[in-house]
Amino acid sequence: MSETGELTYRRVHHATPELLFDCMTTPEHLTHFWGPAGTTTPIDGIVADPRPGGIFQTTMVNDADGGTYTMRAVYVEVRRPDLLEWVEPGVEGGMRTTITFVDLHDGRTEVITHQTNVPAAYLDAAARAGFATSLDRFDAYLSGLGRSTECR
């Protein structure tokens, strides 16, 4: 087994914790932003059953060559609108992702994504930059939603 590490990403969004939580757990939202730039995630490739023991699975398609990458995880803890946690058991013994939604009480929410048992391949600068583009896509999607809580 190769060496693993930890990563933490923080973003502040002009949205409620409830909307952000719903965006992260609803295929109709996820299809618009899930995955790094240069990929799409068709709605029929998303399974989200946000409850402890429920499945979270996404199949991203590379826009350039049509190749696919499937992320398979199991929800460990789900507390709407404050916390989402899942484990990807097939990734080097179980990469864990914990997303905390912190209401800043001014119409904004800080989203903290903390990952543990992260494989070395995901720790390099290129992989981290790719993940950052997925956060940028989420920002852009939220901007398009405006203050609406409806899925597009």
N, C-alpha and C. Protein backbone atom coordinates (compact mmCIF):
# COMPACT_ATOMS: atom_id res chain seq x y z
N MET A 1 0.85 -1.18 0.00
CA MET A 1 0.00 0.00 0.00
C MET A 1 0.89 1.24 0.00
N SER A 2 0.55 2.21 -0.81
CA SER A 2 1.35 3.43 -0.88
C SER A 2 0.98 4.38 0.26
N GLU A 3 1.77 5.40 0.39
CA GLU A 3 1.56 6.39 1.44
C GLU A 3 0.27 7.18 1.19
N THR A 4 -0.44 7.53 2.26
CA THR A 4 -1.66 8.33 2.13
C THR A 4 -1.49 9.61 2.93
N GLY A 5 -2.40 10.56 2.69
CA GLY A 5 -2.32 11.84 3.37
C GLY A 5 -3.70 12.43 3.58
N GLU A 6 -3.72 13.74 3.86
CA GLU A 6 -4.96 14.46 4.10
C GLU A 6 -5.00 15.71 3.23
N LEU A 7 -6.22 16.10 2.87
CA LEU A 7 -6.44 17.34 2.13
C LEU A 7 -7.63 18.07 2.73
N THR A 8 -7.58 19.40 2.73
CA THR A 8 -8.71 20.21 3.18
C THR A 8 -8.90 21.34 2.18
N TYR A 9 -10.15 21.51 1.75
CA TYR A 9 -10.53 22.59 0.84
C TYR A 9 -11.62 23.40 1.53
N ARG A 10 -11.54 24.74 1.42
CA ARG A 10 -12.55 25.62 2.02
C ARG A 10 -13.07 26.57 0.95
N ARG A 11 -14.37 26.73 0.93
CA ARG A 11 -15.01 27.70 0.03
C ARG A 11 -16.17 28.36 0.77
N VAL A 12 -16.38 29.64 0.49
CA VAL A 12 -17.54 30.35 1.02
C VAL A 12 -18.48 30.61 -0.15
N HIS A 13 -19.74 30.23 0.02
CA HIS A 13 -20.75 30.38 -1.03
C HIS A 13 -21.87 31.28 -0.56
N HIS A 14 -22.44 32.05 -1.48
CA HIS A 14 -23.62 32.86 -1.19
C HIS A 14 -24.85 31.98 -1.36
N ALA A 15 -25.09 31.13 -0.37
CA ALA A 15 -26.21 30.20 -0.40
C ALA A 15 -26.40 29.66 1.01
N THR A 16 -27.58 29.12 1.26
CA THR A 16 -27.88 28.54 2.56
C THR A 16 -27.24 27.16 2.69
N PRO A 17 -27.00 26.72 3.92
CA PRO A 17 -26.51 25.35 4.10
C PRO A 17 -27.47 24.32 3.49
N GLU A 18 -28.77 24.57 3.60
CA GLU A 18 -29.76 23.63 3.07
C GLU A 18 -29.62 23.47 1.56
N LEU A 19 -29.48 24.60 0.84
CA LEU A 19 -29.33 24.52 -0.61
C LEU A 19 -28.03 23.80 -0.98
N LEU A 20 -26.96 24.13 -0.31
CA LEU A 20 -25.67 23.50 -0.60
C LEU A 20 -25.72 22.00 -0.34
N PHE A 21 -26.30 21.62 0.79
CA PHE A 21 -26.46 20.21 1.13
C PHE A 21 -27.27 19.50 0.04
N ASP A 22 -28.39 20.11 -0.36
CA ASP A 22 -29.24 19.49 -1.38
C ASP A 22 -28.51 19.38 -2.72
N CYS A 23 -27.71 20.39 -3.07
CA CYS A 23 -26.93 20.31 -4.31
C CYS A 23 -25.96 19.14 -4.28
N MET A 24 -25.41 18.84 -3.11
CA MET A 24 -24.42 17.77 -2.98
C MET A 24 -25.05 16.37 -2.85
N THR A 25 -26.39 16.31 -2.75
CA THR A 25 -27.02 15.01 -2.53
C THR A 25 -28.13 14.70 -3.53
N THR A 26 -28.31 15.54 -4.54
CA THR A 26 -29.41 15.37 -5.49
C THR A 26 -28.85 15.25 -6.91
N PRO A 27 -29.11 14.12 -7.59
CA PRO A 27 -28.58 13.96 -8.94
C PRO A 27 -28.93 15.11 -9.89
N GLU A 28 -30.13 15.68 -9.75
CA GLU A 28 -30.54 16.78 -10.63
C GLU A 28 -29.65 18.01 -10.47
N HIS A 29 -29.02 18.17 -9.31
CA HIS A 29 -28.03 19.22 -9.10
C HIS A 29 -26.63 18.73 -9.50
N LEU A 30 -26.24 17.58 -8.97
CA LEU A 30 -24.89 17.05 -9.16
C LEU A 30 -24.48 16.97 -10.63
N THR A 31 -25.40 16.63 -11.50
CA THR A 31 -25.09 16.48 -12.92
C THR A 31 -24.53 17.76 -13.54
N HIS A 32 -24.83 18.91 -12.94
CA HIS A 32 -24.40 20.20 -13.49
C HIS A 32 -22.97 20.59 -13.12
N PHE A 33 -22.40 19.96 -12.08
CA PHE A 33 -21.09 20.43 -11.63
C PHE A 33 -20.13 19.35 -11.17
N TRP A 34 -20.57 18.12 -10.98
CA TRP A 34 -19.70 17.10 -10.38
C TRP A 34 -18.55 16.75 -11.31
N GLY A 35 -17.35 16.81 -10.80
CA GLY A 35 -16.16 16.42 -11.55
C GLY A 35 -15.34 17.62 -11.97
N PRO A 36 -14.09 17.37 -12.29
CA PRO A 36 -13.19 18.47 -12.69
C PRO A 36 -13.52 18.99 -14.08
N ALA A 37 -12.98 20.16 -14.39
CA ALA A 37 -13.14 20.73 -15.74
C ALA A 37 -12.69 19.70 -16.76
N GLY A 38 -13.43 19.62 -17.86
CA GLY A 38 -13.10 18.66 -18.90
C GLY A 38 -13.85 17.34 -18.76
N THR A 39 -14.76 17.29 -17.77
CA THR A 39 -15.58 16.09 -17.60
C THR A 39 -17.04 16.50 -17.50
N THR A 40 -17.91 15.54 -17.76
CA THR A 40 -19.33 15.69 -17.49
C THR A 40 -19.76 14.47 -16.68
N THR A 41 -20.85 14.63 -15.94
CA THR A 41 -21.39 13.53 -15.16
C THR A 41 -22.88 13.43 -15.49
N PRO A 42 -23.23 12.58 -16.46
CA PRO A 42 -24.64 12.45 -16.85
C PRO A 42 -25.50 12.00 -15.67
N ILE A 43 -26.72 12.52 -15.61
CA ILE A 43 -27.61 12.21 -14.49
C ILE A 43 -27.84 10.71 -14.34
N ASP A 44 -27.85 9.98 -15.45
CA ASP A 44 -28.08 8.53 -15.34
C ASP A 44 -26.85 7.79 -14.80
N GLY A 45 -25.75 8.52 -14.58
CA GLY A 45 -24.55 7.95 -13.98
C GLY A 45 -24.37 8.36 -12.52
N ILE A 46 -25.45 8.84 -11.90
CA ILE A 46 -25.37 9.30 -10.51
C ILE A 46 -26.37 8.53 -9.65
N VAL A 47 -25.89 7.97 -8.56
CA VAL A 47 -26.73 7.36 -7.54
C VAL A 47 -26.41 8.07 -6.23
N ALA A 48 -27.44 8.63 -5.60
CA ALA A 48 -27.25 9.30 -4.31
C ALA A 48 -28.38 8.89 -3.38
N ASP A 49 -28.04 8.11 -2.37
CA ASP A 49 -28.99 7.67 -1.36
C ASP A 49 -28.44 8.15 -0.01
N PRO A 50 -28.63 9.47 0.28
CA PRO A 50 -27.97 10.08 1.43
C PRO A 50 -28.54 9.67 2.79
N ARG A 51 -28.08 8.53 3.24
CA ARG A 51 -28.39 8.00 4.57
C ARG A 51 -27.23 7.10 4.95
N PRO A 52 -26.97 6.93 6.24
CA PRO A 52 -25.87 6.03 6.62
C PRO A 52 -26.08 4.65 5.98
N GLY A 53 -25.04 4.18 5.27
CA GLY A 53 -25.11 2.91 4.56
C GLY A 53 -25.60 3.04 3.13
N GLY A 54 -26.09 4.23 2.76
CA GLY A 54 -26.58 4.47 1.40
C GLY A 54 -25.43 4.62 0.42
N ILE A 55 -25.71 4.39 -0.84
CA ILE A 55 -24.70 4.44 -1.90
C ILE A 55 -24.61 5.86 -2.48
N PHE A 56 -23.37 6.28 -2.74
CA PHE A 56 -23.10 7.49 -3.51
C PHE A 56 -22.15 7.07 -4.62
N GLN A 57 -22.62 7.17 -5.85
CA GLN A 57 -21.81 6.73 -6.99
C GLN A 57 -21.99 7.73 -8.14
N THR A 58 -20.88 8.09 -8.75
CA THR A 58 -20.92 8.96 -9.92
C THR A 58 -20.02 8.39 -11.00
N THR A 59 -20.46 8.52 -12.26
CA THR A 59 -19.63 8.13 -13.39
C THR A 59 -19.36 9.38 -14.23
N MET A 60 -18.11 9.83 -14.17
CA MET A 60 -17.69 11.00 -14.92
C MET A 60 -17.19 10.55 -16.29
N VAL A 61 -17.47 11.39 -17.31
CA VAL A 61 -17.07 11.10 -18.68
C VAL A 61 -16.07 12.17 -19.12
N ASN A 62 -14.93 11.73 -19.62
CA ASN A 62 -13.92 12.65 -20.12
C ASN A 62 -14.43 13.25 -21.43
N ASP A 63 -14.54 14.59 -21.46
CA ASP A 63 -15.08 15.25 -22.65
C ASP A 63 -14.20 15.03 -23.88
N ALA A 64 -12.91 14.86 -23.70
CA ALA A 64 -11.98 14.75 -24.83
C ALA A 64 -12.02 13.37 -25.49
N ASP A 65 -12.04 12.30 -24.68
CA ASP A 65 -11.92 10.97 -25.28
C ASP A 65 -13.06 10.01 -24.93
N GLY A 66 -14.03 10.45 -24.12
CA GLY A 66 -15.16 9.60 -23.78
C GLY A 66 -14.88 8.57 -22.72
N GLY A 67 -13.64 8.56 -22.20
CA GLY A 67 -13.31 7.62 -21.13
C GLY A 67 -14.14 7.92 -19.88
N THR A 68 -14.36 6.89 -19.07
CA THR A 68 -15.18 7.08 -17.87
C THR A 68 -14.39 6.75 -16.61
N TYR A 69 -14.80 7.38 -15.52
CA TYR A 69 -14.25 7.11 -14.20
C TYR A 69 -15.41 7.07 -13.23
N THR A 70 -15.57 5.95 -12.55
CA THR A 70 -16.65 5.81 -11.59
C THR A 70 -16.11 5.91 -10.17
N MET A 71 -16.73 6.80 -9.39
CA MET A 71 -16.44 6.95 -7.97
C MET A 71 -17.55 6.21 -7.23
N ARG A 72 -17.16 5.26 -6.37
CA ARG A 72 -18.13 4.50 -5.58
C ARG A 72 -17.86 4.74 -4.11
N ALA A 73 -18.91 5.14 -3.40
CA ALA A 73 -18.75 5.43 -1.97
C ALA A 73 -19.99 4.98 -1.21
N VAL A 74 -19.83 4.94 0.11
CA VAL A 74 -20.93 4.63 1.01
C VAL A 74 -21.01 5.76 2.03
N TYR A 75 -22.22 6.31 2.18
CA TYR A 75 -22.42 7.36 3.19
C TYR A 75 -22.23 6.78 4.58
N VAL A 76 -21.48 7.50 5.41
CA VAL A 76 -21.23 7.09 6.79
C VAL A 76 -22.10 7.92 7.73
N GLU A 77 -22.13 9.23 7.49
CA GLU A 77 -22.93 10.12 8.34
C GLU A 77 -23.59 11.16 7.45
N VAL A 78 -24.87 11.42 7.72
CA VAL A 78 -25.65 12.39 6.96
C VAL A 78 -26.49 13.18 7.95
N ARG A 79 -26.20 14.48 8.06
CA ARG A 79 -26.98 15.35 8.95
C ARG A 79 -27.31 16.63 8.19
N ARG A 80 -28.48 16.64 7.53
CA ARG A 80 -28.89 17.82 6.77
C ARG A 80 -29.22 18.94 7.75
N PRO A 81 -28.71 20.14 7.58
CA PRO A 81 -27.88 20.63 6.49
C PRO A 81 -26.41 20.80 6.87
N ASP A 82 -25.95 20.12 7.92
CA ASP A 82 -24.63 20.41 8.48
C ASP A 82 -23.48 19.54 8.01
N LEU A 83 -23.74 18.27 7.67
CA LEU A 83 -22.63 17.34 7.49
C LEU A 83 -22.97 16.23 6.51
N LEU A 84 -21.99 15.93 5.66
CA LEU A 84 -22.03 14.76 4.78
C LEU A 84 -20.69 14.05 4.92
N GLU A 85 -20.73 12.75 5.07
CA GLU A 85 -19.48 11.99 5.16
C GLU A 85 -19.65 10.68 4.41
N TRP A 86 -18.66 10.36 3.57
CA TRP A 86 -18.68 9.09 2.87
C TRP A 86 -17.28 8.50 2.80
N VAL A 87 -17.25 7.19 2.55
CA VAL A 87 -15.99 6.46 2.40
C VAL A 87 -16.01 5.78 1.04
N GLU A 88 -14.88 5.89 0.34
CA GLU A 88 -14.69 5.17 -0.92
C GLU A 88 -13.86 3.93 -0.59
N PRO A 89 -14.51 2.80 -0.30
CA PRO A 89 -13.78 1.63 0.18
C PRO A 89 -12.78 1.07 -0.81
N GLY A 90 -12.98 1.27 -2.12
CA GLY A 90 -12.08 0.72 -3.12
C GLY A 90 -10.83 1.54 -3.37
N VAL A 91 -10.72 2.69 -2.72
CA VAL A 91 -9.56 3.57 -2.93
C VAL A 91 -8.56 3.34 -1.80
N GLU A 92 -7.57 2.52 -2.08
CA GLU A 92 -6.46 2.26 -1.15
C GLU A 92 -6.91 2.05 0.29
N GLY A 93 -7.95 1.26 0.48
CA GLY A 93 -8.37 0.93 1.83
C GLY A 93 -9.39 1.87 2.43
N GLY A 94 -9.88 2.83 1.67
CA GLY A 94 -10.97 3.65 2.18
C GLY A 94 -10.67 5.12 2.36
N MET A 95 -10.71 5.88 1.29
CA MET A 95 -10.57 7.32 1.41
C MET A 95 -11.87 7.88 1.98
N ARG A 96 -11.76 8.73 2.99
CA ARG A 96 -12.92 9.31 3.67
C ARG A 96 -13.02 10.78 3.32
N THR A 97 -14.24 11.20 2.93
CA THR A 97 -14.52 12.61 2.64
C THR A 97 -15.58 13.10 3.61
N THR A 98 -15.28 14.18 4.30
CA THR A 98 -16.22 14.80 5.23
C THR A 98 -16.45 16.23 4.76
N ILE A 99 -17.72 16.57 4.52
CA ILE A 99 -18.07 17.92 4.08
C ILE A 99 -18.93 18.54 5.18
N THR A 100 -18.45 19.67 5.70
CA THR A 100 -19.15 20.41 6.75
C THR A 100 -19.66 21.71 6.16
N PHE A 101 -20.92 22.01 6.43
CA PHE A 101 -21.57 23.22 5.95
C PHE A 101 -21.76 24.15 7.15
N VAL A 102 -21.04 25.28 7.18
CA VAL A 102 -21.06 26.19 8.32
C VAL A 102 -21.82 27.46 7.94
N ASP A 103 -22.98 27.65 8.54
CA ASP A 103 -23.80 28.84 8.29
C ASP A 103 -23.10 30.05 8.88
N LEU A 104 -22.79 31.04 8.05
CA LEU A 104 -22.12 32.26 8.52
C LEU A 104 -23.13 33.33 8.95
N HIS A 105 -24.41 33.01 8.87
CA HIS A 105 -25.50 33.86 9.34
C HIS A 105 -25.57 35.22 8.65
N ASP A 106 -25.09 35.27 7.41
CA ASP A 106 -25.18 36.51 6.62
C ASP A 106 -25.55 36.18 5.18
N GLY A 107 -26.19 35.01 4.97
CA GLY A 107 -26.55 34.58 3.62
C GLY A 107 -25.46 33.75 2.96
N ARG A 108 -24.35 33.57 3.68
CA ARG A 108 -23.24 32.79 3.13
C ARG A 108 -23.01 31.54 3.99
N THR A 109 -22.41 30.55 3.36
CA THR A 109 -22.08 29.30 4.04
C THR A 109 -20.66 28.92 3.67
N GLU A 110 -19.87 28.56 4.67
CA GLU A 110 -18.54 28.03 4.40
C GLU A 110 -18.67 26.51 4.27
N VAL A 111 -18.10 25.99 3.19
CA VAL A 111 -18.10 24.54 2.95
C VAL A 111 -16.66 24.07 3.12
N ILE A 112 -16.47 23.15 4.07
CA ILE A 112 -15.14 22.61 4.35
C ILE A 112 -15.15 21.15 3.93
N THR A 113 -14.30 20.82 2.96
CA THR A 113 -14.17 19.44 2.50
C THR A 113 -12.85 18.91 3.03
N HIS A 114 -12.93 17.90 3.87
CA HIS A 114 -11.74 17.31 4.49
C HIS A 114 -11.67 15.85 4.05
N GLN A 115 -10.52 15.46 3.50
CA GLN A 115 -10.33 14.08 3.04
C GLN A 115 -9.17 13.46 3.79
N THR A 116 -9.37 12.22 4.24
CA THR A 116 -8.31 11.48 4.91
C THR A 116 -8.09 10.16 4.18
N ASN A 117 -6.94 9.57 4.44
CA ASN A 117 -6.52 8.34 3.77
C ASN A 117 -6.49 8.56 2.25
N VAL A 118 -6.01 9.74 1.86
CA VAL A 118 -5.96 10.13 0.45
C VAL A 118 -4.73 9.49 -0.20
N PRO A 119 -4.91 8.72 -1.29
CA PRO A 119 -3.77 8.09 -1.96
C PRO A 119 -2.79 9.14 -2.51
N ALA A 120 -1.54 8.76 -2.59
CA ALA A 120 -0.49 9.67 -3.06
C ALA A 120 -0.82 10.28 -4.42
N ALA A 121 -1.45 9.51 -5.31
CA ALA A 121 -1.77 10.01 -6.64
C ALA A 121 -2.73 11.21 -6.59
N TYR A 122 -3.54 11.28 -5.54
CA TYR A 122 -4.51 12.39 -5.41
C TYR A 122 -3.89 13.58 -4.69
N LEU A 123 -2.69 13.42 -4.16
CA LEU A 123 -2.06 14.48 -3.38
C LEU A 123 -1.19 15.41 -4.21
N ASP A 124 -0.84 15.01 -5.44
CA ASP A 124 0.07 15.86 -6.23
C ASP A 124 -0.65 17.13 -6.68
N ALA A 125 0.13 18.11 -7.10
CA ALA A 125 -0.39 19.43 -7.44
C ALA A 125 -1.42 19.37 -8.57
N ALA A 126 -1.20 18.54 -9.57
CA ALA A 126 -2.13 18.45 -10.70
C ALA A 126 -3.49 17.91 -10.24
N ALA A 127 -3.48 16.89 -9.39
CA ALA A 127 -4.74 16.33 -8.89
C ALA A 127 -5.47 17.34 -8.02
N ARG A 128 -4.74 18.05 -7.17
CA ARG A 128 -5.37 19.08 -6.33
C ARG A 128 -5.94 20.21 -7.19
N ALA A 129 -5.23 20.58 -8.26
CA ALA A 129 -5.72 21.63 -9.16
C ALA A 129 -7.00 21.16 -9.87
N GLY A 130 -7.05 19.88 -10.26
CA GLY A 130 -8.25 19.33 -10.87
C GLY A 130 -9.43 19.38 -9.93
N PHE A 131 -9.20 19.02 -8.66
CA PHE A 131 -10.27 19.08 -7.67
C PHE A 131 -10.75 20.52 -7.50
N ALA A 132 -9.81 21.46 -7.50
CA ALA A 132 -10.17 22.88 -7.37
C ALA A 132 -11.08 23.31 -8.52
N THR A 133 -10.87 22.77 -9.73
CA THR A 133 -11.75 23.14 -10.85
C THR A 133 -13.16 22.63 -10.62
N SER A 134 -13.31 21.50 -9.92
CA SER A 134 -14.66 21.03 -9.61
C SER A 134 -15.34 21.97 -8.62
N LEU A 135 -14.57 22.55 -7.70
CA LEU A 135 -15.14 23.53 -6.78
C LEU A 135 -15.52 24.81 -7.54
N ASP A 136 -14.72 25.18 -8.53
CA ASP A 136 -15.05 26.34 -9.37
C ASP A 136 -16.35 26.09 -10.14
N ARG A 137 -16.52 24.87 -10.64
CA ARG A 137 -17.75 24.53 -11.36
C ARG A 137 -18.96 24.61 -10.44
N PHE A 138 -18.79 24.21 -9.18
CA PHE A 138 -19.86 24.30 -8.20
C PHE A 138 -20.21 25.77 -7.97
N ASP A 139 -19.19 26.64 -7.82
CA ASP A 139 -19.42 28.08 -7.67
C ASP A 139 -20.24 28.62 -8.84
N ALA A 140 -19.84 28.28 -10.05
CA ALA A 140 -20.52 28.78 -11.24
C ALA A 140 -21.98 28.29 -11.28
N TYR A 141 -22.18 27.03 -10.92
CA TYR A 141 -23.54 26.48 -10.90
C TYR A 141 -24.40 27.23 -9.90
N LEU A 142 -23.86 27.45 -8.70
CA LEU A 142 -24.61 28.17 -7.67
C LEU A 142 -24.95 29.59 -8.11
N SER A 143 -24.03 30.25 -8.78
CA SER A 143 -24.28 31.60 -9.29
C SER A 143 -25.45 31.59 -10.26
N GLY A 144 -25.53 30.56 -11.07
CA GLY A 144 -26.63 30.43 -12.02
C GLY A 144 -27.96 30.16 -11.34
N LEU A 145 -27.91 29.52 -10.18
CA LEU A 145 -29.15 29.26 -9.44
C LEU A 145 -29.70 30.53 -8.82
N GLY A 146 -28.82 31.48 -8.54
CA GLY A 146 -29.27 32.68 -7.83
C GLY A 146 -29.75 32.30 -6.45
N ARG A 147 -30.82 32.86 -6.04
CA ARG A 147 -31.38 32.58 -4.71
C ARG A 147 -32.42 31.47 -4.74
N SER A 148 -32.65 30.89 -5.92
CA SER A 148 -33.65 29.84 -6.06
C SER A 148 -33.20 28.56 -5.37
N THR A 149 -34.16 27.82 -4.88
CA THR A 149 -33.86 26.50 -4.31
C THR A 149 -34.33 25.39 -5.26
N GLU A 150 -34.74 25.76 -6.45
CA GLU A 150 -35.22 24.77 -7.41
C GLU A 150 -34.05 24.22 -8.22
N CYS A 151 -34.16 22.97 -8.61
CA CYS A 151 -33.17 22.37 -9.50
C CYS A 151 -33.42 22.91 -10.90
N ARG A 152 -32.33 23.04 -11.67
CA ARG A 152 -32.49 23.48 -13.06
C ARG A 152 -32.62 22.27 -13.96
